Amino acid sequence: MVKIMSELTVKNEEVAKIAKALASQTRWEILRLLREKKMDVSRIAETLKQTEANVSAQVKILEKAGLLKSHYEPGEHGVRKVCEPAIEKIQIIIS
């Protein structure tokens, strides 16, 4: 299991950004996969039977929302982008 920050609290305009990020089945599947272990974009794409370009775009949306973090590591043909969850729980405050 990947060690992740426990909680993200959002309110006001931040809620829309998080909601948009969670509105895609593909992004949900990416988050579900990454709860088990860190994976690179290529492996995520292979597992979900998606293109690397699509997975990369979905990862970018999750990163901007603060739900996912990534870093680069050496790979077979250059570098690979390795992803992991940034949070475990989201709390939405209605004010």
PDB file of N, CA and C in Angstrom:
ATOM      1  N   MET A   1       0.843  -1.181   0.000  1.00  0.00           N
ATOM      2  CA  MET A   1       0.000   0.000   0.000  1.00  0.00           C
ATOM      3  C   MET A   1       0.886   1.240   0.000  1.00  0.00           C
ATOM      4  N   VAL A   2       0.502   2.224  -0.773  1.00  0.00           N
ATOM      5  CA  VAL A   2       1.242   3.469  -0.912  1.00  0.00           C
ATOM      6  C   VAL A   2       0.949   4.376   0.279  1.00  0.00           C
ATOM      7  N   LYS A   3       1.957   5.011   0.846  1.00  0.00           N
ATOM      8  CA  LYS A   3       1.777   5.966   1.944  1.00  0.00           C
ATOM      9  C   LYS A   3       1.302   7.289   1.361  1.00  0.00           C
ATOM     10  N   ILE A   4       0.133   7.757   1.807  1.00  0.00           N
ATOM     11  CA  ILE A   4      -0.437   8.978   1.264  1.00  0.00           C
ATOM     12  C   ILE A   4      -0.927   9.891   2.363  1.00  0.00           C
ATOM     13  N   MET A   5      -1.048  11.178   2.018  1.00  0.00           N
ATOM     14  CA  MET A   5      -1.614  12.155   2.930  1.00  0.00           C
ATOM     15  C   MET A   5      -3.027  11.707   3.269  1.00  0.00           C
ATOM     16  N   SER A   6      -3.441  11.872   4.502  1.00  0.00           N
ATOM     17  CA  SER A   6      -4.714  11.289   4.895  1.00  0.00           C
ATOM     18  C   SER A   6      -5.940  12.021   4.391  1.00  0.00           C
ATOM     19  N   GLU A   7      -5.949  13.342   4.342  1.00  0.00           N
ATOM     20  CA  GLU A   7      -7.196  14.037   4.075  1.00  0.00           C
ATOM     21  C   GLU A   7      -6.991  15.339   3.312  1.00  0.00           C
ATOM     22  N   LEU A   8      -7.949  15.657   2.465  1.00  0.00           N
ATOM     23  CA  LEU A   8      -7.993  16.926   1.750  1.00  0.00           C
ATOM     24  C   LEU A   8      -9.329  17.575   2.067  1.00  0.00           C
ATOM     25  N   THR A   9      -9.325  18.782   2.584  1.00  0.00           N
ATOM     26  CA  THR A   9     -10.553  19.519   2.879  1.00  0.00           C
ATOM     27  C   THR A   9     -10.712  20.605   1.828  1.00  0.00           C
ATOM     28  N   VAL A  10     -11.883  20.625   1.179  1.00  0.00           N
ATOM     29  CA  VAL A  10     -12.136  21.616   0.134  1.00  0.00           C
ATOM     30  C   VAL A  10     -13.428  22.366   0.420  1.00  0.00           C
ATOM     31  N   LYS A  11     -13.462  23.601  -0.035  1.00  0.00           N
ATOM     32  CA  LYS A  11     -14.672  24.410   0.092  1.00  0.00           C
ATOM     33  C   LYS A  11     -14.696  25.449  -1.013  1.00  0.00           C
ATOM     34  N   ASN A  12     -15.866  26.053  -1.199  1.00  0.00           N
ATOM     35  CA  ASN A  12     -16.079  27.114  -2.174  1.00  0.00           C
ATOM     36  C   ASN A  12     -15.661  26.698  -3.583  1.00  0.00           C
ATOM     37  N   GLU A  13     -14.832  27.495  -4.246  1.00  0.00           N
ATOM     38  CA  GLU A  13     -14.485  27.237  -5.640  1.00  0.00           C
ATOM     39  C   GLU A  13     -13.623  25.991  -5.839  1.00  0.00           C
ATOM     40  N   GLU A  14     -12.967  25.527  -4.786  1.00  0.00           N
ATOM     41  CA  GLU A  14     -12.153  24.317  -4.896  1.00  0.00           C
ATOM     42  C   GLU A  14     -13.006  23.084  -5.157  1.00  0.00           C
ATOM     43  N   VAL A  15     -14.258  23.105  -4.692  1.00  0.00           N
ATOM     44  CA  VAL A  15     -15.145  21.948  -4.834  1.00  0.00           C
ATOM     45  C   VAL A  15     -15.362  21.618  -6.312  1.00  0.00           C
ATOM     46  N   ALA A  16     -15.579  22.616  -7.140  1.00  0.00           N
ATOM     47  CA  ALA A  16     -15.822  22.389  -8.564  1.00  0.00           C
ATOM     48  C   ALA A  16     -14.629  21.704  -9.223  1.00  0.00           C
ATOM     49  N   LYS A  17     -13.416  22.116  -8.857  1.00  0.00           N
ATOM     50  CA  LYS A  17     -12.207  21.510  -9.429  1.00  0.00           C
ATOM     51  C   LYS A  17     -12.109  20.032  -9.052  1.00  0.00           C
ATOM     52  N   ILE A  18     -12.380  19.719  -7.806  1.00  0.00           N
ATOM     53  CA  ILE A  18     -12.337  18.335  -7.338  1.00  0.00           C
ATOM     54  C   ILE A  18     -13.456  17.526  -7.989  1.00  0.00           C
ATOM     55  N   ALA A  19     -14.662  18.095  -8.030  1.00  0.00           N
ATOM     56  CA  ALA A  19     -15.805  17.395  -8.620  1.00  0.00           C
ATOM     57  C   ALA A  19     -15.543  17.073 -10.093  1.00  0.00           C
ATOM     58  N   LYS A  20     -14.963  18.019 -10.819  1.00  0.00           N
ATOM     59  CA  LYS A  20     -14.650  17.783 -12.229  1.00  0.00           C
ATOM     60  C   LYS A  20     -13.640  16.633 -12.364  1.00  0.00           C
ATOM     61  N   ALA A  21     -12.648  16.631 -11.519  1.00  0.00           N
ATOM     62  CA  ALA A  21     -11.633  15.581 -11.575  1.00  0.00           C
ATOM     63  C   ALA A  21     -12.224  14.209 -11.284  1.00  0.00           C
ATOM     64  N   LEU A  22     -13.223  14.158 -10.425  1.00  0.00           N
ATOM     65  CA  LEU A  22     -13.834  12.885 -10.041  1.00  0.00           C
ATOM     66  C   LEU A  22     -14.986  12.476 -10.959  1.00  0.00           C
ATOM     67  N   ALA A  23     -15.323  13.320 -11.937  1.00  0.00           N
ATOM     68  CA  ALA A  23     -16.484  13.079 -12.795  1.00  0.00           C
ATOM     69  C   ALA A  23     -16.224  12.085 -13.929  1.00  0.00           C
ATOM     70  N   SER A  24     -15.054  11.539 -14.004  1.00  0.00           N
ATOM     71  CA  SER A  24     -14.694  10.622 -15.085  1.00  0.00           C
ATOM     72  C   SER A  24     -14.461   9.208 -14.551  1.00  0.00           C
ATOM     73  N   GLN A  25     -15.062   8.229 -15.217  1.00  0.00           N
ATOM     74  CA  GLN A  25     -14.862   6.827 -14.830  1.00  0.00           C
ATOM     75  C   GLN A  25     -13.392   6.432 -14.968  1.00  0.00           C
ATOM     76  N   THR A  26     -12.733   6.930 -16.010  1.00  0.00           N
ATOM     77  CA  THR A  26     -11.312   6.618 -16.211  1.00  0.00           C
ATOM     78  C   THR A  26     -10.479   7.152 -15.065  1.00  0.00           C
ATOM     79  N   ARG A  27     -10.751   8.370 -14.613  1.00  0.00           N
ATOM     80  CA  ARG A  27      -9.984   8.932 -13.494  1.00  0.00           C
ATOM     81  C   ARG A  27     -10.250   8.159 -12.204  1.00  0.00           C
ATOM     82  N   TRP A  28     -11.495   7.719 -11.999  1.00  0.00           N
ATOM     83  CA  TRP A  28     -11.791   6.871 -10.832  1.00  0.00           C
ATOM     84  C   TRP A  28     -10.969   5.586 -10.891  1.00  0.00           C
ATOM     85  N   GLU A  29     -10.904   4.983 -12.075  1.00  0.00           N
ATOM     86  CA  GLU A  29     -10.145   3.738 -12.232  1.00  0.00           C
ATOM     87  C   GLU A  29      -8.654   3.967 -11.974  1.00  0.00           C
ATOM     88  N   ILE A  30      -8.136   5.087 -12.424  1.00  0.00           N
ATOM     89  CA  ILE A  30      -6.725   5.409 -12.164  1.00  0.00           C
ATOM     90  C   ILE A  30      -6.484   5.518 -10.663  1.00  0.00           C
ATOM     91  N   LEU A  31      -7.339   6.239  -9.960  1.00  0.00           N
ATOM     92  CA  LEU A  31      -7.189   6.372  -8.506  1.00  0.00           C
ATOM     93  C   LEU A  31      -7.301   5.021  -7.808  1.00  0.00           C
ATOM     94  N   ARG A  32      -8.222   4.190  -8.270  1.00  0.00           N
ATOM     95  CA  ARG A  32      -8.400   2.852  -7.676  1.00  0.00           C
ATOM     96  C   ARG A  32      -7.128   2.007  -7.862  1.00  0.00           C
ATOM     97  N   LEU A  33      -6.581   2.026  -9.057  1.00  0.00           N
ATOM     98  CA  LEU A  33      -5.354   1.275  -9.327  1.00  0.00           C
ATOM     99  C   LEU A  33      -4.199   1.737  -8.441  1.00  0.00           C
ATOM    100  N   LEU A  34      -4.080   3.039  -8.297  1.00  0.00           N
ATOM    101  CA  LEU A  34      -2.944   3.593  -7.569  1.00  0.00           C
ATOM    102  C   LEU A  34      -3.065   3.411  -6.057  1.00  0.00           C
ATOM    103  N   ARG A  35      -4.241   3.069  -5.560  1.00  0.00           N
ATOM    104  CA  ARG A  35      -4.375   2.768  -4.122  1.00  0.00           C
ATOM    105  C   ARG A  35      -3.580   1.521  -3.766  1.00  0.00           C
ATOM    106  N   GLU A  36      -3.424   0.623  -4.733  1.00  0.00           N
ATOM    107  CA  GLU A  36      -2.710  -0.635  -4.496  1.00  0.00           C
ATOM    108  C   GLU A  36      -1.193  -0.468  -4.586  1.00  0.00           C
ATOM    109  N   LYS A  37      -0.737   0.288  -5.584  1.00  0.00           N
ATOM    110  CA  LYS A  37       0.706   0.485  -5.770  1.00  0.00           C
ATOM    111  C   LYS A  37       0.966   1.621  -6.738  1.00  0.00           C
ATOM    112  N   LYS A  38       2.156   2.193  -6.667  1.00  0.00           N
ATOM    113  CA  LYS A  38       2.583   3.219  -7.618  1.00  0.00           C
ATOM    114  C   LYS A  38       2.671   2.569  -8.999  1.00  0.00           C
ATOM    115  N   MET A  39       2.338   3.345 -10.012  1.00  0.00           N
ATOM    116  CA  MET A  39       2.426   2.828 -11.377  1.00  0.00           C
ATOM    117  C   MET A  39       2.855   3.958 -12.308  1.00  0.00           C
ATOM    118  N   ASP A  40       3.536   3.582 -13.390  1.00  0.00           N
ATOM    119  CA  ASP A  40       3.854   4.598 -14.384  1.00  0.00           C
ATOM    120  C   ASP A  40       2.709   4.701 -15.395  1.00  0.00           C
ATOM    121  N   VAL A  41       2.706   5.785 -16.144  1.00  0.00           N
ATOM    122  CA  VAL A  41       1.622   6.070 -17.086  1.00  0.00           C
ATOM    123  C   VAL A  41       1.449   4.921 -18.083  1.00  0.00           C
ATOM    124  N   SER A  42       2.540   4.355 -18.546  1.00  0.00           N
ATOM    125  CA  SER A  42       2.481   3.256 -19.504  1.00  0.00           C
ATOM    126  C   SER A  42       1.764   2.039 -18.917  1.00  0.00           C
ATOM    127  N   ARG A  43       2.079   1.704 -17.683  1.00  0.00           N
ATOM    128  CA  ARG A  43       1.449   0.548 -17.021  1.00  0.00           C
ATOM    129  C   ARG A  43      -0.026   0.817 -16.756  1.00  0.00           C
ATOM    130  N   ILE A  44      -0.363   2.037 -16.358  1.00  0.00           N
ATOM    131  CA  ILE A  44      -1.770   2.393 -16.142  1.00  0.00           C
ATOM    132  C   ILE A  44      -2.536   2.233 -17.453  1.00  0.00           C
ATOM    133  N   ALA A  45      -1.986   2.757 -18.538  1.00  0.00           N
ATOM    134  CA  ALA A  45      -2.637   2.677 -19.846  1.00  0.00           C
ATOM    135  C   ALA A  45      -2.844   1.220 -20.257  1.00  0.00           C
ATOM    136  N   GLU A  46      -1.829   0.412 -20.068  1.00  0.00           N
ATOM    137  CA  GLU A  46      -1.915  -1.008 -20.415  1.00  0.00           C
ATOM    138  C   GLU A  46      -3.005  -1.705 -19.590  1.00  0.00           C
ATOM    139  N   THR A  47      -3.033  -1.447 -18.298  1.00  0.00           N
ATOM    140  CA  THR A  47      -4.006  -2.079 -17.409  1.00  0.00           C
ATOM    141  C   THR A  47      -5.437  -1.678 -17.760  1.00  0.00           C
ATOM    142  N   LEU A  48      -5.632  -0.401 -18.074  1.00  0.00           N
ATOM    143  CA  LEU A  48      -6.975   0.099 -18.377  1.00  0.00           C
ATOM    144  C   LEU A  48      -7.343  -0.026 -19.857  1.00  0.00           C
ATOM    145  N   LYS A  49      -6.408  -0.546 -20.668  1.00  0.00           N
ATOM    146  CA  LYS A  49      -6.622  -0.661 -22.107  1.00  0.00           C
ATOM    147  C   LYS A  49      -6.974   0.703 -22.724  1.00  0.00           C
ATOM    148  N   GLN A  50      -6.186   1.692 -22.342  1.00  0.00           N
ATOM    149  CA  GLN A  50      -6.320   3.066 -22.836  1.00  0.00           C
ATOM    150  C   GLN A  50      -5.005   3.455 -23.506  1.00  0.00           C
ATOM    151  N   THR A  51      -5.029   4.536 -24.271  1.00  0.00           N
ATOM    152  CA  THR A  51      -3.782   5.025 -24.851  1.00  0.00           C
ATOM    153  C   THR A  51      -2.988   5.764 -23.781  1.00  0.00           C
ATOM    154  N   GLU A  52      -1.679   5.809 -23.950  1.00  0.00           N
ATOM    155  CA  GLU A  52      -0.839   6.552 -23.015  1.00  0.00           C
ATOM    156  C   GLU A  52      -1.174   8.035 -23.045  1.00  0.00           C
ATOM    157  N   ALA A  53      -1.515   8.551 -24.225  1.00  0.00           N
ATOM    158  CA  ALA A  53      -1.874   9.968 -24.345  1.00  0.00           C
ATOM    159  C   ALA A  53      -3.118  10.277 -23.507  1.00  0.00           C
ATOM    160  N   ASN A  54      -4.122   9.409 -23.570  1.00  0.00           N
ATOM    161  CA  ASN A  54      -5.341   9.636 -22.794  1.00  0.00           C
ATOM    162  C   ASN A  54      -5.055   9.550 -21.299  1.00  0.00           C
ATOM    163  N   VAL A  55      -4.328   8.529 -20.882  1.00  0.00           N
ATOM    164  CA  VAL A  55      -4.008   8.381 -19.460  1.00  0.00           C
ATOM    165  C   VAL A  55      -3.191   9.563 -18.974  1.00  0.00           C
ATOM    166  N   SER A  56      -2.250  10.013 -19.771  1.00  0.00           N
ATOM    167  CA  SER A  56      -1.437  11.169 -19.401  1.00  0.00           C
ATOM    168  C   SER A  56      -2.307  12.405 -19.190  1.00  0.00           C
ATOM    169  N   ALA A  57      -3.292  12.616 -20.063  1.00  0.00           N
ATOM    170  CA  ALA A  57      -4.201  13.753 -19.918  1.00  0.00           C
ATOM    171  C   ALA A  57      -5.045  13.622 -18.649  1.00  0.00           C
ATOM    172  N   GLN A  58      -5.500  12.407 -18.348  1.00  0.00           N
ATOM    173  CA  GLN A  58      -6.305  12.174 -17.149  1.00  0.00           C
ATOM    174  C   GLN A  58      -5.472  12.376 -15.880  1.00  0.00           C
ATOM    175  N   VAL A  59      -4.229  11.927 -15.906  1.00  0.00           N
ATOM    176  CA  VAL A  59      -3.316  12.106 -14.782  1.00  0.00           C
ATOM    177  C   VAL A  59      -3.087  13.593 -14.520  1.00  0.00           C
ATOM    178  N   LYS A  60      -2.940  14.365 -15.577  1.00  0.00           N
ATOM    179  CA  LYS A  60      -2.721  15.803 -15.434  1.00  0.00           C
ATOM    180  C   LYS A  60      -3.906  16.468 -14.719  1.00  0.00           C
ATOM    181  N   ILE A  61      -5.126  16.077 -15.060  1.00  0.00           N
ATOM    182  CA  ILE A  61      -6.317  16.621 -14.409  1.00  0.00           C
ATOM    183  C   ILE A  61      -6.328  16.250 -12.922  1.00  0.00           C
ATOM    184  N   LEU A  62      -5.986  15.010 -12.609  1.00  0.00           N
ATOM    185  CA  LEU A  62      -5.942  14.563 -11.215  1.00  0.00           C
ATOM    186  C   LEU A  62      -4.846  15.287 -10.435  1.00  0.00           C
ATOM    187  N   GLU A  63      -3.718  15.563 -11.082  1.00  0.00           N
ATOM    188  CA  GLU A  63      -2.634  16.306 -10.433  1.00  0.00           C
ATOM    189  C   GLU A  63      -3.060  17.736 -10.129  1.00  0.00           C
ATOM    190  N   LYS A  64      -3.688  18.397 -11.099  1.00  0.00           N
ATOM    191  CA  LYS A  64      -4.128  19.783 -10.903  1.00  0.00           C
ATOM    192  C   LYS A  64      -5.151  19.894  -9.777  1.00  0.00           C
ATOM    193  N   ALA A  65      -5.926  18.836  -9.575  1.00  0.00           N
ATOM    194  CA  ALA A  65      -6.925  18.839  -8.508  1.00  0.00           C
ATOM    195  C   ALA A  65      -6.310  18.457  -7.160  1.00  0.00           C
ATOM    196  N   GLY A  66      -5.041  18.077  -7.154  1.00  0.00           N
ATOM    197  CA  GLY A  66      -4.366  17.707  -5.917  1.00  0.00           C
ATOM    198  C   GLY A  66      -4.670  16.298  -5.448  1.00  0.00           C
ATOM    199  N   LEU A  67      -5.216  15.464  -6.332  1.00  0.00           N
ATOM    200  CA  LEU A  67      -5.595  14.098  -5.954  1.00  0.00           C
ATOM    201  C   LEU A  67      -4.499  13.082  -6.247  1.00  0.00           C
ATOM    202  N   LEU A  68      -3.539  13.473  -7.048  1.00  0.00           N
ATOM    203  CA  LEU A  68      -2.495  12.556  -7.479  1.00  0.00           C
ATOM    204  C   LEU A  68      -1.179  13.306  -7.522  1.00  0.00           C
ATOM    205  N   LYS A  69      -0.102  12.612  -7.251  1.00  0.00           N
ATOM    206  CA  LYS A  69       1.224  13.212  -7.398  1.00  0.00           C
ATOM    207  C   LYS A  69       2.085  12.265  -8.227  1.00  0.00           C
ATOM    208  N   SER A  70       3.092  12.811  -8.861  1.00  0.00           N
ATOM    209  CA  SER A  70       3.944  11.985  -9.706  1.00  0.00           C
ATOM    210  C   SER A  70       5.374  12.509  -9.697  1.00  0.00           C
ATOM    211  N   HIS A  71       6.260  11.653 -10.141  1.00  0.00           N
ATOM    212  CA  HIS A  71       7.659  12.028 -10.293  1.00  0.00           C
ATOM    213  C   HIS A  71       8.235  11.220 -11.454  1.00  0.00           C
ATOM    214  N   TYR A  72       9.389  11.623 -11.924  1.00  0.00           N
ATOM    215  CA  TYR A  72      10.016  10.941 -13.045  1.00  0.00           C
ATOM    216  C   TYR A  72      11.146  10.050 -12.555  1.00  0.00           C
ATOM    217  N   GLU A  73      11.239   8.863 -13.177  1.00  0.00           N
ATOM    218  CA  GLU A  73      12.305   7.905 -12.887  1.00  0.00           C
ATOM    219  C   GLU A  73      12.900   7.433 -14.204  1.00  0.00           C
ATOM    220  N   PRO A  74      14.153   6.974 -14.176  1.00  0.00           N
ATOM    221  CA  PRO A  74      14.728   6.405 -15.397  1.00  0.00           C
ATOM    222  C   PRO A  74      13.923   5.180 -15.838  1.00  0.00           C
ATOM    223  N   GLY A  75      13.730   5.052 -17.143  1.00  0.00           N
ATOM    224  CA  GLY A  75      13.014   3.907 -17.703  1.00  0.00           C
ATOM    225  C   GLY A  75      13.838   3.243 -18.785  1.00  0.00           C
ATOM    226  N   GLU A  76      13.246   2.273 -19.462  1.00  0.00           N
ATOM    227  CA  GLU A  76      13.944   1.549 -20.527  1.00  0.00           C
ATOM    228  C   GLU A  76      14.334   2.459 -21.684  1.00  0.00           C
ATOM    229  N   HIS A  77      13.432   3.378 -22.039  1.00  0.00           N
ATOM    230  CA  HIS A  77      13.664   4.264 -23.189  1.00  0.00           C
ATOM    231  C   HIS A  77      13.574   5.718 -22.769  1.00  0.00           C
ATOM    232  N   GLY A  78      14.336   6.129 -21.800  1.00  0.00           N
ATOM    233  CA  GLY A  78      14.290   7.506 -21.307  1.00  0.00           C
ATOM    234  C   GLY A  78      13.747   7.540 -19.891  1.00  0.00           C
ATOM    235  N   VAL A  79      12.798   8.430 -19.645  1.00  0.00           N
ATOM    236  CA  VAL A  79      12.220   8.539 -18.308  1.00  0.00           C
ATOM    237  C   VAL A  79      10.767   8.078 -18.328  1.00  0.00           C
ATOM    238  N   ARG A  80      10.279   7.702 -17.169  1.00  0.00           N
ATOM    239  CA  ARG A  80       8.880   7.319 -17.044  1.00  0.00           C
ATOM    240  C   ARG A  80       8.254   8.111 -15.906  1.00  0.00           C
ATOM    241  N   LYS A  81       7.002   8.446 -16.063  1.00  0.00           N
ATOM    242  CA  LYS A  81       6.272   9.219 -15.066  1.00  0.00           C
ATOM    243  C   LYS A  81       5.562   8.237 -14.138  1.00  0.00           C
ATOM    244  N   VAL A  82       5.972   8.227 -12.873  1.00  0.00           N
ATOM    245  CA  VAL A  82       5.405   7.324 -11.882  1.00  0.00           C
ATOM    246  C   VAL A  82       4.403   8.093 -11.029  1.00  0.00           C
ATOM    247  N   CYS A  83       3.216   7.530 -10.882  1.00  0.00           N
ATOM    248  CA  CYS A  83       2.109   8.203 -10.204  1.00  0.00           C
ATOM    249  C   CYS A  83       1.711   7.475  -8.928  1.00  0.00           C
ATOM    250  N   GLU A  84       1.190   8.253  -7.973  1.00  0.00           N
ATOM    251  CA  GLU A  84       0.639   7.705  -6.744  1.00  0.00           C
ATOM    252  C   GLU A  84      -0.411   8.671  -6.200  1.00  0.00           C
ATOM    253  N   PRO A  85      -1.329   8.172  -5.383  1.00  0.00           N
ATOM    254  CA  PRO A  85      -2.351   9.063  -4.824  1.00  0.00           C
ATOM    255  C   PRO A  85      -1.711  10.110  -3.923  1.00  0.00           C
ATOM    256  N   ALA A  86      -2.310  11.286  -3.893  1.00  0.00           N
ATOM    257  CA  ALA A  86      -1.831  12.348  -3.015  1.00  0.00           C
ATOM    258  C   ALA A  86      -2.660  12.394  -1.728  1.00  0.00           C
ATOM    259  N   ILE A  87      -3.838  11.808  -1.760  1.00  0.00           N
ATOM    260  CA  ILE A  87      -4.730  11.842  -0.603  1.00  0.00           C
ATOM    261  C   ILE A  87      -5.466  10.514  -0.445  1.00  0.00           C
ATOM    262  N   GLU A  88      -6.038  10.321   0.711  1.00  0.00           N
ATOM    263  CA  GLU A  88      -6.824   9.123   0.994  1.00  0.00           C
ATOM    264  C   GLU A  88      -8.304   9.463   1.166  1.00  0.00           C
ATOM    265  N   LYS A  89      -8.579  10.669   1.598  1.00  0.00           N
ATOM    266  CA  LYS A  89      -9.938  11.070   1.942  1.00  0.00           C
ATOM    267  C   LYS A  89     -10.167  12.518   1.527  1.00  0.00           C
ATOM    268  N   ILE A  90     -11.372  12.796   1.011  1.00  0.00           N
ATOM    269  CA  ILE A  90     -11.757  14.158   0.655  1.00  0.00           C
ATOM    270  C   ILE A  90     -12.931  14.569   1.523  1.00  0.00           C
ATOM    271  N   GLN A  91     -12.826  15.727   2.133  1.00  0.00           N
ATOM    272  CA  GLN A  91     -13.913  16.283   2.939  1.00  0.00           C
ATOM    273  C   GLN A  91     -14.362  17.571   2.275  1.00  0.00           C
ATOM    274  N   ILE A  92     -15.659  17.665   1.977  1.00  0.00           N
ATOM    275  CA  ILE A  92     -16.212  18.863   1.347  1.00  0.00           C
ATOM    276  C   ILE A  92     -17.020  19.615   2.385  1.00  0.00           C
ATOM    277  N   ILE A  93     -16.695  20.890   2.556  1.00  0.00           N
ATOM    278  CA  ILE A  93     -17.400  21.734   3.510  1.00  0.00           C
ATOM    279  C   ILE A  93     -18.343  22.656   2.750  1.00  0.00           C
ATOM    280  N   ILE A  94     -19.615  22.573   3.065  1.00  0.00           N
ATOM    281  CA  ILE A  94     -20.609  23.457   2.453  1.00  0.00           C
ATOM    282  C   ILE A  94     -20.788  24.643   3.377  1.00  0.00           C
ATOM    283  N   SER A  95     -20.432  25.831   2.871  1.00  0.00           N
ATOM    284  CA  SER A  95     -20.532  27.023   3.728  1.00  0.00           C
ATOM    285  C   SER A  95     -21.326  28.111   3.066  1.00  0.00           C
TER     286      SER A  95
END
